[in-house]
Amino acid sequence: MTFIVKNVDWGNEQHKLRKIREKVFVCQWRIPWEYEFDHHDSEAFHILVVDENDQEVATARITPQGEIGRIAVEPLYRESEIYQVLYSALIKIAEQLGLQDVLVHCELEGVEYYQQQGFRPVGSVFMDAGIPRQSMECSLTTFSLSRVELTH
């Protein structure tokens, strides 16, 4: 399957980004809408992934400080190489920003997955939108896309 990554501006493309994130986070995960869309959206760098038919299938963002988040993938594409495509694009943005490290806040069951990608836990477990999470940090020199699994 072929995917195309587009670097998009929140101001111009938020309707496309919101559509995917609302479906995944608000409808499927039951995250409150007002929590899902925050002040970081306007300052973050967003990517939109489309398939060979130009259908929007995934999105993610990275803040200027290097926090990766809001990774939303349409259900039919979650068993594909889409995560490698997403992380590759996000790491490229981080490198262009001159960042040394990236950070994610993952659910506790995702800690082992992120450790396999080169991330390490930072700080204590915390609650975020009613979900226990762990901050995980990774140096760009440590992160390896070859370790990104094809499922998430």
Protein backbone atom coordinates (compact mmCIF):
# COMPACT_ATOMS: atom_id res chain seq x y z
CA MET A 1 0.00 0.00 0.00
CA THR A 2 1.24 3.46 -0.86
CA PHE A 3 0.96 6.37 1.56
CA ILE A 4 1.66 10.03 0.98
CA VAL A 5 2.64 12.25 3.90
CA LYS A 6 1.63 15.87 3.78
CA ASN A 7 2.95 18.50 6.15
CA VAL A 8 -0.13 20.62 6.78
CA ASP A 9 -0.97 23.82 8.57
CA TRP A 10 -3.60 23.66 11.31
CA GLY A 11 -5.18 26.91 10.16
CA ASN A 12 -5.77 25.64 6.63
CA GLU A 13 -6.39 21.92 7.12
CA GLN A 14 -7.89 21.56 10.58
CA HIS A 15 -11.17 20.24 9.18
CA LYS A 16 -9.34 17.19 7.77
CA LEU A 17 -7.28 16.68 10.93
CA ARG A 18 -10.30 17.10 13.20
CA LYS A 19 -12.32 14.55 11.21
CA ILE A 20 -9.80 11.77 11.85
CA ARG A 21 -9.08 12.76 15.46
CA GLU A 22 -12.78 13.07 16.32
CA LYS A 23 -13.45 9.60 14.93
CA VAL A 24 -10.52 7.98 16.76
CA PHE A 25 -10.26 9.90 20.02
CA VAL A 26 -13.71 11.35 20.69
CA CYS A 27 -15.92 8.58 19.27
CA GLN A 28 -13.78 5.46 19.76
CA TRP A 29 -11.73 6.33 22.84
CA ARG A 30 -14.36 8.61 24.42
CA ILE A 31 -11.89 11.45 25.04
CA PRO A 32 -13.84 14.68 25.67
CA TRP A 33 -13.84 16.89 22.58
CA GLU A 34 -12.65 19.94 24.54
CA TYR A 35 -9.66 17.95 25.78
CA GLU A 36 -8.70 16.50 22.41
CA PHE A 37 -8.34 19.86 20.71
CA ASP A 38 -6.03 22.12 22.69
CA HIS A 39 -3.95 25.26 22.35
CA HIS A 40 -0.99 23.21 21.09
CA ASP A 41 -2.79 22.53 17.80
CA SER A 42 -2.19 26.06 16.54
CA GLU A 43 1.56 25.94 17.28
CA ALA A 44 2.27 22.29 16.43
CA PHE A 45 3.53 20.84 13.17
CA HIS A 46 0.91 18.48 11.76
CA ILE A 47 1.13 15.67 9.26
CA LEU A 48 -1.71 14.17 7.28
CA VAL A 49 -1.32 10.78 5.64
CA VAL A 50 -3.40 9.90 2.60
CA ASP A 51 -3.66 6.62 0.71
CA GLU A 52 -3.27 6.08 -3.04
CA ASN A 53 -6.87 7.28 -3.53
CA ASP A 54 -6.12 10.56 -1.71
CA GLN A 55 -8.26 9.49 1.27
CA GLU A 56 -7.15 10.84 4.64
CA VAL A 57 -6.15 7.85 6.78
CA ALA A 58 -3.95 9.17 9.60
CA THR A 59 -2.65 12.25 11.34
CA ALA A 60 -0.16 13.19 14.05
CA ARG A 61 1.54 16.26 15.41
CA ILE A 62 4.79 17.35 16.98
CA THR A 63 5.15 20.50 19.05
CA PRO A 64 8.11 22.86 18.68
CA GLN A 65 9.38 21.40 21.97
CA GLY A 66 9.43 17.87 20.49
CA GLU A 67 6.29 16.34 22.00
CA ILE A 68 4.81 13.80 19.61
CA GLY A 69 1.10 13.23 19.98
CA ARG A 70 -2.42 13.04 18.64
CA ILE A 71 -1.48 10.04 16.50
CA ALA A 72 -4.80 9.00 15.00
CA VAL A 73 -5.12 6.22 12.43
CA GLU A 74 -8.31 5.10 10.73
CA PRO A 75 -9.19 1.55 11.93
CA LEU A 76 -8.72 -0.15 8.55
CA TYR A 77 -5.09 1.03 8.39
CA ARG A 78 -3.89 0.08 11.87
CA GLU A 79 -2.34 -3.18 10.71
CA SER A 80 -0.18 -1.60 8.01
CA GLU A 81 3.15 0.18 7.75
CA ILE A 82 1.37 3.43 8.57
CA TYR A 83 3.15 3.82 11.93
CA GLN A 84 6.54 3.68 10.27
CA VAL A 85 5.36 6.36 7.84
CA LEU A 86 4.05 8.54 10.68
CA TYR A 87 7.17 8.27 12.84
CA SER A 88 9.48 8.82 9.89
CA ALA A 89 7.69 12.09 9.07
CA LEU A 90 7.64 13.23 12.71
CA ILE A 91 11.34 12.48 13.24
CA LYS A 92 12.18 14.36 10.04
CA ILE A 93 10.32 17.41 11.37
CA ALA A 94 12.14 17.10 14.72
CA GLU A 95 15.48 17.02 12.89
CA GLN A 96 14.52 20.07 10.81
CA LEU A 97 13.65 21.90 14.04
CA GLY A 98 17.09 21.05 15.40
CA LEU A 99 15.69 19.04 18.30
CA GLN A 100 17.86 16.54 20.14
CA ASP A 101 15.04 14.55 21.77
CA VAL A 102 11.38 13.73 21.26
CA LEU A 103 8.78 12.95 23.92
CA VAL A 104 5.54 10.96 23.98
CA HIS A 105 2.95 10.45 26.71
CA CYS A 106 1.78 6.87 26.27
CA GLU A 107 -0.72 4.65 28.00
CA LEU A 108 0.92 2.24 30.42
CA GLU A 109 0.44 -0.75 28.12
CA GLY A 110 2.47 1.13 25.48
CA VAL A 111 5.60 1.57 27.62
CA GLU A 112 7.24 -1.65 26.43
CA TYR A 113 6.47 -0.82 22.78
CA TYR A 114 8.12 2.59 23.08
CA GLN A 115 11.10 1.14 24.93
CA GLN A 116 11.63 -1.16 21.93
CA GLN A 117 11.82 1.97 19.76
CA GLY A 118 14.55 3.47 21.95
CA PHE A 119 12.40 5.54 24.34
CA ARG A 120 13.00 5.60 28.10
CA PRO A 121 10.53 6.45 30.87
CA VAL A 122 10.80 9.95 32.34
CA GLY A 123 9.14 10.93 35.61
CA SER A 124 6.21 9.29 37.33
CA VAL A 125 2.98 7.88 35.97
CA PHE A 126 0.30 10.59 35.72
CA MET A 127 -3.38 10.82 34.87
CA ASP A 128 -4.37 12.45 31.59
CA ALA A 129 -8.06 12.62 30.59
CA GLY A 130 -8.72 9.83 33.08
CA ILE A 131 -6.04 7.57 31.56
CA PRO A 132 -2.82 6.64 33.38
CA ARG A 133 0.15 7.64 31.24
CA GLN A 134 3.93 7.59 31.26
CA SER A 135 6.17 10.19 29.65
CA MET A 136 8.77 8.57 27.40
CA GLU A 137 11.76 10.35 25.89
CA CYS A 138 14.11 9.37 23.09
CA SER A 139 17.19 10.93 21.59
CA LEU A 140 16.94 11.33 17.83
CA THR A 141 20.27 9.55 17.56
CA THR A 142 18.85 6.57 19.50
CA PHE A 143 15.50 6.32 17.74
CA SER A 144 15.43 3.63 15.10
CA LEU A 145 12.70 3.40 12.48
CA SER A 146 13.79 -0.13 11.78
CA ARG A 147 12.51 -0.98 15.26
CA VAL A 148 9.07 0.51 14.62
CA GLU A 149 6.70 -2.40 14.36
CA LEU A 150 4.09 -2.54 11.65
CA THR A 151 1.29 -2.84 14.20
CA HIS A 152 0.58 -0.52 17.07
